[in-house]
Amino acid sequence: MAIYYVYIICNLEGVYYKGFSFNPTKRLEEHNLGKSRYTSNRGPWHLVFVTSFVKKSEALKYEKMLKRQNHVYLEWLIKSNRNEL
């Protein structure tokens, strides 16, 4: 059974990027190597939040919800017990 991850990465300016991946550690490496258009010139990035889902549809729904959240909510979430880091 596959596990799906939703992650948040942050750069030195405090910019958050939210994403979905099967392997968040490998995806972070790709962000830092410039393989993502949005993050390529804004790094370095570090992983600040990871949570897992059994259903892909639930992970994608959660990622979409995160992309609508403000900075205050994201900072709260990163410190919450939902964070699997």
Protein backbone atom coordinates (compact mmCIF):
# COMPACT_ATOMS: atom_id res chain seq x y z
CA MET A 1 0.00 0.00 0.00
CA ALA A 2 1.38 3.39 -1.00
CA ILE A 3 1.73 6.26 1.43
CA TYR A 4 1.19 9.80 0.18
CA TYR A 5 2.76 12.85 1.82
CA VAL A 6 1.90 16.51 2.02
CA TYR A 7 4.84 18.69 2.96
CA ILE A 8 5.80 22.28 3.65
CA ILE A 9 9.24 23.66 2.93
CA CYS A 10 10.58 27.05 3.99
CA ASN A 11 13.42 29.24 2.74
CA LEU A 12 15.63 31.75 4.58
CA GLU A 13 13.16 34.60 3.90
CA GLY A 14 10.35 32.68 5.60
CA VAL A 15 8.52 31.84 2.37
CA TYR A 16 6.51 28.62 2.58
CA TYR A 17 5.91 26.22 -0.29
CA LYS A 18 3.31 23.47 0.06
CA GLY A 19 3.40 20.28 -1.96
CA PHE A 20 2.50 16.61 -2.40
CA SER A 21 4.97 13.76 -2.91
CA PHE A 22 5.58 10.05 -2.50
CA ASN A 23 9.00 10.89 -1.02
CA PRO A 24 9.26 14.35 0.61
CA THR A 25 13.01 14.04 1.29
CA LYS A 26 13.76 13.38 -2.37
CA ARG A 27 11.34 16.12 -3.41
CA LEU A 28 13.15 18.60 -1.12
CA GLU A 29 16.39 17.72 -2.88
CA GLU A 30 14.74 18.40 -6.24
CA HIS A 31 13.54 21.81 -5.01
CA ASN A 32 17.07 22.68 -3.89
CA LEU A 33 18.52 21.53 -7.23
CA GLY A 34 16.23 23.92 -9.12
CA LYS A 35 13.91 21.28 -10.58
CA SER A 36 10.76 23.19 -9.66
CA ARG A 37 9.93 26.44 -11.44
CA TYR A 38 8.56 28.30 -8.39
CA THR A 39 11.27 27.27 -5.93
CA SER A 40 14.30 27.25 -8.24
CA ASN A 41 15.52 30.79 -7.53
CA ARG A 42 14.24 31.12 -3.98
CA GLY A 43 16.25 28.50 -2.03
CA PRO A 44 17.83 26.97 -0.16
CA TRP A 45 14.78 25.21 1.24
CA HIS A 46 14.35 23.08 4.33
CA LEU A 47 11.57 20.70 5.29
CA VAL A 48 9.42 22.03 8.14
CA PHE A 49 6.27 19.89 7.94
CA VAL A 50 5.28 16.43 6.73
CA THR A 51 2.06 14.47 7.17
CA SER A 52 1.01 11.21 5.56
CA PHE A 53 -2.15 9.80 4.02
CA VAL A 54 -3.23 6.36 2.85
CA LYS A 55 -5.54 7.75 0.16
CA LYS A 56 -4.10 9.90 -2.61
CA SER A 57 -7.36 11.84 -2.90
CA GLU A 58 -7.18 12.83 0.79
CA ALA A 59 -3.57 13.97 0.44
CA LEU A 60 -4.38 16.10 -2.59
CA LYS A 61 -7.40 17.59 -0.83
CA TYR A 62 -5.24 18.47 2.20
CA GLU A 63 -2.54 20.02 -0.02
CA LYS A 64 -5.18 22.17 -1.74
CA MET A 65 -6.49 23.31 1.66
CA LEU A 66 -2.97 24.20 2.83
CA LYS A 67 -2.36 26.33 -0.25
CA ARG A 68 -5.25 28.58 0.85
CA GLN A 69 -3.97 29.09 4.41
CA ASN A 70 -2.20 32.15 5.77
CA HIS A 71 1.25 32.35 7.35
CA VAL A 72 -0.09 32.31 10.93
CA TYR A 73 -2.00 29.07 10.36
CA LEU A 74 1.01 27.43 8.69
CA GLU A 75 3.28 28.36 11.60
CA TRP A 76 0.73 26.91 14.03
CA LEU A 77 0.47 23.72 11.97
CA ILE A 78 4.25 23.28 11.81
CA LYS A 79 4.35 23.32 15.63
CA SER A 80 1.32 21.02 15.99
CA ASN A 81 1.19 17.30 16.66
CA ARG A 82 0.02 16.77 13.05
CA ASN A 83 3.64 17.32 11.99
CA GLU A 84 5.38 13.96 11.52
CA LEU A 85 8.91 15.35 11.43
